[in-house]
N, C-alpha and C. Protein backbone atom coordinates (compact mmCIF):
# COMPACT_ATOMS: atom_id res chain seq x y z
N MET A 1 121.43 85.97 115.61
CA MET A 1 121.02 87.34 115.36
C MET A 1 120.84 87.59 113.87
N ILE A 2 121.75 87.09 113.05
CA ILE A 2 121.65 87.30 111.60
C ILE A 2 120.42 86.61 111.05
N SER A 3 120.08 85.43 111.55
CA SER A 3 118.88 84.74 111.07
C SER A 3 117.62 85.51 111.44
N TRP A 4 117.62 86.17 112.59
CA TRP A 4 116.49 86.97 113.03
C TRP A 4 116.31 88.16 112.09
N ILE A 5 117.40 88.82 111.73
CA ILE A 5 117.35 89.95 110.80
C ILE A 5 116.88 89.48 109.43
N LYS A 6 117.38 88.33 109.00
CA LYS A 6 116.96 87.78 107.70
C LYS A 6 115.46 87.48 107.69
N LYS A 7 114.93 86.96 108.78
CA LYS A 7 113.50 86.69 108.86
C LYS A 7 112.68 87.97 108.73
N ILE A 8 113.15 89.03 109.37
CA ILE A 8 112.45 90.31 109.28
C ILE A 8 112.49 90.83 107.84
N ILE A 9 113.65 90.78 107.21
CA ILE A 9 113.79 91.24 105.83
C ILE A 9 112.90 90.41 104.91
N ASP A 10 112.90 89.09 105.08
CA ASP A 10 112.05 88.22 104.26
C ASP A 10 110.57 88.55 104.45
N TYR A 11 110.17 88.82 105.68
CA TYR A 11 108.77 89.15 105.97
C TYR A 11 108.38 90.49 105.32
N VAL A 12 109.22 91.49 105.50
CA VAL A 12 108.91 92.83 105.00
C VAL A 12 108.89 92.86 103.48
N PHE A 13 109.85 92.21 102.85
CA PHE A 13 109.96 92.26 101.39
C PHE A 13 109.46 91.02 100.70
N GLY A 14 108.88 90.09 101.45
CA GLY A 14 108.36 88.85 100.89
C GLY A 14 107.14 89.08 100.03
N LYS A 15 106.65 88.01 99.42
CA LYS A 15 105.51 88.10 98.51
C LYS A 15 104.27 88.65 99.19
N LYS A 16 104.01 88.25 100.41
CA LYS A 16 102.78 88.65 101.07
C LYS A 16 102.72 90.15 101.31
N LEU A 17 103.77 90.74 101.82
CA LEU A 17 103.75 92.15 102.17
C LEU A 17 104.59 93.03 101.26
N GLY A 18 105.40 92.45 100.39
CA GLY A 18 106.38 93.20 99.62
C GLY A 18 105.91 94.50 99.03
N GLY A 19 104.97 94.44 98.09
CA GLY A 19 104.53 95.66 97.41
C GLY A 19 103.86 96.63 98.35
N GLU A 20 103.02 96.12 99.21
CA GLU A 20 102.32 96.97 100.17
C GLU A 20 103.30 97.65 101.13
N THR A 21 104.28 96.90 101.58
CA THR A 21 105.27 97.45 102.51
C THR A 21 106.09 98.54 101.84
N ILE A 22 106.50 98.29 100.62
CA ILE A 22 107.28 99.30 99.89
C ILE A 22 106.43 100.55 99.68
N ARG A 23 105.17 100.37 99.28
CA ARG A 23 104.28 101.52 99.09
C ARG A 23 104.08 102.26 100.41
N TYR A 24 103.94 101.52 101.52
CA TYR A 24 103.76 102.16 102.82
C TYR A 24 105.00 102.98 103.19
N LEU A 25 106.17 102.43 102.91
CA LEU A 25 107.40 103.15 103.23
C LEU A 25 107.51 104.44 102.40
N ILE A 26 107.17 104.36 101.13
CA ILE A 26 107.24 105.54 100.26
C ILE A 26 106.24 106.60 100.72
N VAL A 27 105.01 106.19 100.96
CA VAL A 27 103.99 107.12 101.43
C VAL A 27 104.37 107.65 102.81
N GLY A 28 104.94 106.80 103.64
CA GLY A 28 105.39 107.22 104.96
C GLY A 28 106.46 108.29 104.90
N VAL A 29 107.38 108.13 103.96
CA VAL A 29 108.43 109.15 103.78
C VAL A 29 107.79 110.47 103.33
N MET A 30 106.86 110.38 102.39
CA MET A 30 106.19 111.59 101.91
C MET A 30 105.40 112.27 103.03
N THR A 31 104.68 111.47 103.82
CA THR A 31 103.91 112.00 104.94
C THR A 31 104.83 112.65 105.97
N THR A 32 105.95 112.00 106.23
CA THR A 32 106.92 112.53 107.19
C THR A 32 107.52 113.84 106.68
N LEU A 33 107.81 113.90 105.38
CA LEU A 33 108.34 115.15 104.82
C LEU A 33 107.34 116.30 104.94
N ILE A 34 106.06 116.01 104.72
CA ILE A 34 105.03 117.04 104.90
C ILE A 34 105.00 117.47 106.36
N ASN A 35 104.99 116.49 107.25
CA ASN A 35 104.94 116.76 108.69
C ASN A 35 106.14 117.61 109.12
N PHE A 36 107.34 117.16 108.78
CA PHE A 36 108.55 117.87 109.19
C PHE A 36 108.69 119.21 108.48
N GLY A 37 108.33 119.26 107.20
CA GLY A 37 108.45 120.50 106.45
C GLY A 37 107.55 121.60 106.99
N LEU A 38 106.30 121.24 107.26
CA LEU A 38 105.38 122.23 107.81
C LEU A 38 105.80 122.62 109.23
N PHE A 39 106.27 121.64 110.02
CA PHE A 39 106.76 121.94 111.36
C PHE A 39 107.92 122.93 111.30
N GLU A 40 108.86 122.69 110.39
CA GLU A 40 110.02 123.57 110.22
C GLU A 40 109.56 124.98 109.84
N LEU A 41 108.66 125.04 108.87
CA LEU A 41 108.15 126.33 108.42
C LEU A 41 107.50 127.10 109.57
N MET A 42 106.64 126.43 110.31
CA MET A 42 105.90 127.12 111.37
C MET A 42 106.77 127.44 112.57
N HIS A 43 107.51 126.45 113.07
CA HIS A 43 108.26 126.65 114.31
C HIS A 43 109.54 127.44 114.11
N GLU A 44 110.35 127.04 113.16
CA GLU A 44 111.66 127.64 112.98
C GLU A 44 111.62 128.95 112.18
N ILE A 45 110.81 128.99 111.12
CA ILE A 45 110.81 130.16 110.25
C ILE A 45 109.79 131.21 110.71
N MET A 46 108.58 130.75 111.05
CA MET A 46 107.53 131.68 111.45
C MET A 46 107.51 131.92 112.97
N ASP A 47 108.32 131.17 113.72
CA ASP A 47 108.46 131.30 115.17
C ASP A 47 107.13 131.09 115.92
N ILE A 48 106.38 130.10 115.46
CA ILE A 48 105.13 129.73 116.12
C ILE A 48 105.45 128.70 117.19
N ASP A 49 104.71 128.71 118.30
CA ASP A 49 104.91 127.79 119.42
C ASP A 49 105.10 126.36 118.94
N VAL A 50 105.99 125.62 119.62
CA VAL A 50 106.34 124.27 119.21
C VAL A 50 105.13 123.34 119.20
N THR A 51 104.26 123.43 120.18
CA THR A 51 103.11 122.53 120.24
C THR A 51 102.08 122.88 119.16
N VAL A 52 101.83 124.16 118.94
CA VAL A 52 100.91 124.57 117.88
C VAL A 52 101.46 124.12 116.52
N SER A 53 102.74 124.34 116.31
CA SER A 53 103.37 123.91 115.04
C SER A 53 103.27 122.41 114.87
N ASN A 54 103.51 121.68 115.94
CA ASN A 54 103.49 120.21 115.88
C ASN A 54 102.09 119.69 115.60
N VAL A 55 101.10 120.18 116.31
CA VAL A 55 99.71 119.72 116.12
C VAL A 55 99.24 120.05 114.70
N THR A 56 99.55 121.25 114.22
CA THR A 56 99.15 121.64 112.87
C THR A 56 99.82 120.77 111.81
N SER A 57 101.12 120.57 111.94
CA SER A 57 101.84 119.77 110.93
C SER A 57 101.37 118.33 110.93
N ILE A 58 101.08 117.79 112.09
CA ILE A 58 100.58 116.41 112.17
C ILE A 58 99.18 116.33 111.57
N SER A 59 98.32 117.30 111.85
CA SER A 59 96.96 117.29 111.32
C SER A 59 96.94 117.30 109.79
N VAL A 60 97.76 118.14 109.19
CA VAL A 60 97.84 118.19 107.73
C VAL A 60 98.37 116.87 107.18
N SER A 61 99.36 116.31 107.84
CA SER A 61 99.93 115.04 107.36
C SER A 61 98.94 113.88 107.54
N ILE A 62 98.06 113.96 108.53
CA ILE A 62 97.03 112.92 108.70
C ILE A 62 96.08 112.90 107.51
N ILE A 63 95.64 114.07 107.07
CA ILE A 63 94.74 114.14 105.92
C ILE A 63 95.42 113.58 104.67
N PHE A 64 96.66 113.98 104.43
CA PHE A 64 97.41 113.44 103.31
C PHE A 64 97.54 111.93 103.44
N ALA A 65 97.91 111.45 104.64
CA ALA A 65 98.14 110.02 104.85
C ALA A 65 96.87 109.20 104.62
N TYR A 66 95.72 109.74 104.98
CA TYR A 66 94.47 108.99 104.77
C TYR A 66 94.30 108.66 103.29
N PHE A 67 94.35 109.69 102.47
CA PHE A 67 94.14 109.46 101.04
C PHE A 67 95.25 108.62 100.41
N ALA A 68 96.48 108.88 100.79
CA ALA A 68 97.60 108.13 100.23
C ALA A 68 97.55 106.65 100.65
N ASN A 69 97.24 106.39 101.92
CA ASN A 69 97.16 105.01 102.37
C ASN A 69 95.98 104.28 101.75
N LYS A 70 94.85 104.94 101.67
CA LYS A 70 93.66 104.33 101.10
C LYS A 70 93.86 103.99 99.63
N LEU A 71 94.35 104.97 98.87
CA LEU A 71 94.43 104.81 97.43
C LEU A 71 95.70 104.11 96.95
N VAL A 72 96.83 104.41 97.58
CA VAL A 72 98.11 103.92 97.08
C VAL A 72 98.60 102.69 97.83
N VAL A 73 98.61 102.74 99.15
CA VAL A 73 99.20 101.65 99.94
C VAL A 73 98.30 100.42 99.96
N PHE A 74 97.10 100.58 100.51
CA PHE A 74 96.23 99.42 100.71
C PHE A 74 95.27 99.20 99.55
N ARG A 75 95.17 100.18 98.65
CA ARG A 75 94.30 100.10 97.48
C ARG A 75 92.90 99.63 97.89
N TYR A 76 92.38 100.34 98.84
CA TYR A 76 91.13 99.96 99.50
C TYR A 76 89.96 100.71 98.90
N ARG A 77 88.89 99.98 98.63
CA ARG A 77 87.68 100.59 98.08
C ARG A 77 86.55 100.43 99.09
N SER A 78 85.90 101.54 99.39
CA SER A 78 84.76 101.51 100.30
C SER A 78 83.52 101.13 99.52
N GLU A 79 82.73 100.24 100.09
CA GLU A 79 81.52 99.76 99.41
C GLU A 79 80.39 100.79 99.42
N THR A 80 80.27 101.54 100.52
CA THR A 80 79.17 102.50 100.66
C THR A 80 79.72 103.81 101.24
N THR A 81 78.89 104.83 101.18
CA THR A 81 79.27 106.11 101.78
C THR A 81 79.42 105.95 103.29
N ALA A 82 78.53 105.19 103.90
CA ALA A 82 78.61 104.96 105.35
C ALA A 82 79.92 104.26 105.71
N ALA A 83 80.32 103.29 104.89
CA ALA A 83 81.59 102.59 105.14
C ALA A 83 82.77 103.55 104.98
N LEU A 84 82.69 104.44 104.01
CA LEU A 84 83.74 105.44 103.80
C LEU A 84 83.87 106.36 105.00
N VAL A 85 82.75 106.82 105.51
CA VAL A 85 82.76 107.72 106.68
C VAL A 85 83.33 107.00 107.88
N LEU A 86 82.88 105.76 108.11
CA LEU A 86 83.39 104.97 109.25
C LEU A 86 84.89 104.74 109.12
N GLU A 87 85.33 104.41 107.93
CA GLU A 87 86.76 104.18 107.67
C GLU A 87 87.56 105.46 107.96
N PHE A 88 87.06 106.60 107.48
CA PHE A 88 87.74 107.88 107.73
C PHE A 88 87.82 108.18 109.22
N LEU A 89 86.70 107.95 109.93
CA LEU A 89 86.68 108.20 111.37
C LEU A 89 87.65 107.27 112.12
N LYS A 90 87.72 106.02 111.70
CA LYS A 90 88.68 105.08 112.31
C LYS A 90 90.10 105.54 112.07
N PHE A 91 90.36 105.96 110.84
CA PHE A 91 91.71 106.40 110.48
C PHE A 91 92.11 107.63 111.30
N VAL A 92 91.24 108.63 111.30
CA VAL A 92 91.55 109.86 112.03
C VAL A 92 91.65 109.57 113.53
N GLY A 93 90.75 108.75 114.04
CA GLY A 93 90.81 108.40 115.46
C GLY A 93 92.11 107.72 115.84
N SER A 94 92.55 106.79 115.00
CA SER A 94 93.81 106.10 115.29
C SER A 94 94.99 107.05 115.17
N ARG A 95 94.92 107.97 114.21
CA ARG A 95 96.01 108.93 114.04
C ARG A 95 96.00 109.97 115.17
N LEU A 96 94.85 110.26 115.73
CA LEU A 96 94.82 111.17 116.89
C LEU A 96 95.52 110.51 118.08
N PHE A 97 95.35 109.20 118.21
CA PHE A 97 96.06 108.46 119.26
C PHE A 97 97.56 108.57 119.07
N THR A 98 98.05 108.33 117.86
CA THR A 98 99.49 108.41 117.63
C THR A 98 99.97 109.85 117.61
N MET A 99 99.08 110.80 117.28
CA MET A 99 99.44 112.21 117.37
C MET A 99 99.70 112.57 118.84
N ALA A 100 98.86 112.08 119.74
CA ALA A 100 99.07 112.35 121.17
C ALA A 100 100.41 111.79 121.62
N LEU A 101 100.76 110.61 121.12
CA LEU A 101 102.06 110.01 121.43
C LEU A 101 103.19 110.91 120.93
N GLU A 102 103.07 111.37 119.70
CA GLU A 102 104.11 112.23 119.11
C GLU A 102 104.21 113.58 119.82
N VAL A 103 103.08 114.22 120.05
CA VAL A 103 103.10 115.52 120.73
C VAL A 103 103.68 115.38 122.14
N GLY A 104 103.30 114.32 122.82
CA GLY A 104 103.83 114.08 124.17
C GLY A 104 105.32 113.86 124.18
N LEU A 105 105.82 113.09 123.22
CA LEU A 105 107.26 112.83 123.16
C LEU A 105 108.04 114.09 122.78
N VAL A 106 107.52 114.87 121.84
CA VAL A 106 108.20 116.11 121.46
C VAL A 106 108.21 117.07 122.65
N ALA A 107 107.09 117.18 123.34
CA ALA A 107 107.02 118.06 124.52
C ALA A 107 107.99 117.57 125.60
N LEU A 108 108.07 116.27 125.81
CA LEU A 108 108.99 115.70 126.78
C LEU A 108 110.43 116.09 126.45
N PHE A 109 110.81 115.87 125.20
CA PHE A 109 112.19 116.20 124.79
C PHE A 109 112.45 117.70 124.89
N TYR A 110 111.51 118.51 124.43
CA TYR A 110 111.74 119.96 124.32
C TYR A 110 111.59 120.68 125.67
N TYR A 111 110.47 120.47 126.33
CA TYR A 111 110.18 121.22 127.55
C TYR A 111 110.80 120.62 128.81
N ILE A 112 110.80 119.31 128.92
CA ILE A 112 111.25 118.67 130.16
C ILE A 112 112.74 118.31 130.11
N LEU A 113 113.16 117.69 129.02
CA LEU A 113 114.55 117.28 128.91
C LEU A 113 115.47 118.37 128.37
N GLY A 114 114.86 119.45 127.84
CA GLY A 114 115.66 120.57 127.33
C GLY A 114 116.42 120.24 126.05
N GLN A 115 115.95 119.26 125.32
CA GLN A 115 116.59 118.86 124.07
C GLN A 115 115.95 119.61 122.90
N ASP A 116 116.56 119.49 121.74
CA ASP A 116 116.03 120.09 120.53
C ASP A 116 114.71 119.43 120.16
N ALA A 117 113.73 120.22 119.72
CA ALA A 117 112.42 119.68 119.34
C ALA A 117 112.55 118.67 118.21
N TRP A 118 113.52 118.89 117.32
CA TRP A 118 113.74 117.96 116.19
C TRP A 118 114.12 116.57 116.67
N LEU A 119 114.90 116.50 117.72
CA LEU A 119 115.30 115.20 118.27
C LEU A 119 114.06 114.45 118.77
N GLY A 120 113.21 115.13 119.51
CA GLY A 120 111.98 114.50 119.99
C GLY A 120 111.08 114.09 118.86
N LYS A 121 111.00 114.93 117.83
CA LYS A 121 110.16 114.60 116.67
C LYS A 121 110.71 113.39 115.93
N ALA A 122 112.01 113.32 115.78
CA ALA A 122 112.62 112.18 115.08
C ALA A 122 112.43 110.88 115.87
N VAL A 123 112.66 110.93 117.17
CA VAL A 123 112.50 109.72 118.00
C VAL A 123 111.04 109.26 117.97
N SER A 124 110.13 110.20 118.08
CA SER A 124 108.71 109.84 118.11
C SER A 124 108.27 109.21 116.78
N GLN A 125 108.88 109.63 115.67
CA GLN A 125 108.48 109.12 114.36
C GLN A 125 108.65 107.61 114.23
N VAL A 126 109.67 107.08 114.83
CA VAL A 126 109.90 105.63 114.76
C VAL A 126 108.70 104.89 115.36
N LEU A 127 108.30 105.28 116.55
CA LEU A 127 107.17 104.64 117.21
C LEU A 127 105.86 104.90 116.47
N VAL A 128 105.69 106.12 116.00
CA VAL A 128 104.46 106.50 115.32
C VAL A 128 104.29 105.75 113.99
N ILE A 129 105.33 105.63 113.23
CA ILE A 129 105.24 104.94 111.93
C ILE A 129 104.86 103.48 112.12
N ILE A 130 105.49 102.81 113.07
CA ILE A 130 105.17 101.41 113.34
C ILE A 130 103.72 101.28 113.81
N ALA A 131 103.33 102.10 114.76
CA ALA A 131 101.96 102.04 115.29
C ALA A 131 100.93 102.34 114.20
N ASN A 132 101.20 103.34 113.36
CA ASN A 132 100.26 103.70 112.29
C ASN A 132 100.06 102.55 111.30
N TYR A 133 101.12 101.87 110.93
CA TYR A 133 100.98 100.76 109.99
C TYR A 133 100.14 99.64 110.60
N ILE A 134 100.46 99.27 111.82
CA ILE A 134 99.74 98.17 112.48
C ILE A 134 98.26 98.52 112.63
N ILE A 135 97.97 99.72 113.07
CA ILE A 135 96.58 100.13 113.27
C ILE A 135 95.85 100.22 111.92
N SER A 136 96.48 100.80 110.91
CA SER A 136 95.84 100.91 109.59
C SER A 136 95.54 99.54 109.01
N LYS A 137 96.49 98.65 109.10
CA LYS A 137 96.35 97.31 108.54
C LYS A 137 95.31 96.50 109.31
N ALA A 138 95.33 96.57 110.63
CA ALA A 138 94.47 95.74 111.46
C ALA A 138 93.07 96.31 111.66
N LEU A 139 92.93 97.63 111.65
CA LEU A 139 91.65 98.24 112.02
C LEU A 139 90.95 98.96 110.88
N VAL A 140 91.69 99.72 110.09
CA VAL A 140 91.05 100.63 109.14
C VAL A 140 90.85 100.01 107.76
N PHE A 141 91.92 99.51 107.16
CA PHE A 141 91.87 99.05 105.77
C PHE A 141 91.94 97.52 105.67
N ARG A 142 91.07 96.86 106.39
CA ARG A 142 91.03 95.39 106.37
C ARG A 142 90.19 94.90 105.20
N SER A 143 90.70 93.91 104.50
CA SER A 143 89.94 93.35 103.38
C SER A 143 88.83 92.46 103.93
N LYS A 144 87.84 92.14 103.08
CA LYS A 144 86.76 91.25 103.50
C LYS A 144 87.30 89.90 103.97
N ARG A 145 88.31 89.40 103.28
CA ARG A 145 88.91 88.13 103.64
C ARG A 145 89.49 88.19 105.05
N GLU A 146 90.17 89.28 105.38
CA GLU A 146 90.77 89.44 106.70
C GLU A 146 89.69 89.58 107.77
N LYS A 147 88.52 90.11 107.40
CA LYS A 147 87.42 90.26 108.35
C LYS A 147 86.64 88.96 108.50
N GLY A 148 86.90 87.98 107.62
CA GLY A 148 86.17 86.72 107.67
C GLY A 148 84.80 86.79 107.01
N GLU A 149 84.63 87.73 106.08
CA GLU A 149 83.33 87.92 105.43
C GLU A 149 83.21 87.14 104.11
N GLU A 150 84.28 86.54 103.64
CA GLU A 150 84.18 85.80 102.37
C GLU A 150 84.10 84.33 102.62
């Protein structure tokens, strides 16, 4: 078990992914703070419906995450305007998929299981963060080398 954990730590902080992974974690924390902060403001303070608050907070965090991931995490440069638009559409499309996962889990916890919305939001974040990284790395911000174009 310890060797398995060590392999994961070596992979995450190793030379290949080290800087990118750290940047992703930092941007992920910032994105999550925006998501949770806006959700708290809307649902708890302004007493707006949980689903409306959740969809709005996720949407704002998606826009932030696009620019932060593009510029800070993956340091990705689009060659053309068409490539930029396609990249943005891929990013938003993938985030809409994970948004549906998050909204569904929060609704499950809050409406069906009768739990606190925050618990559902926290549980969903673990799955969403992992899925977002994999999708962004594999689909949206792939280098030419990874695409086999060089």
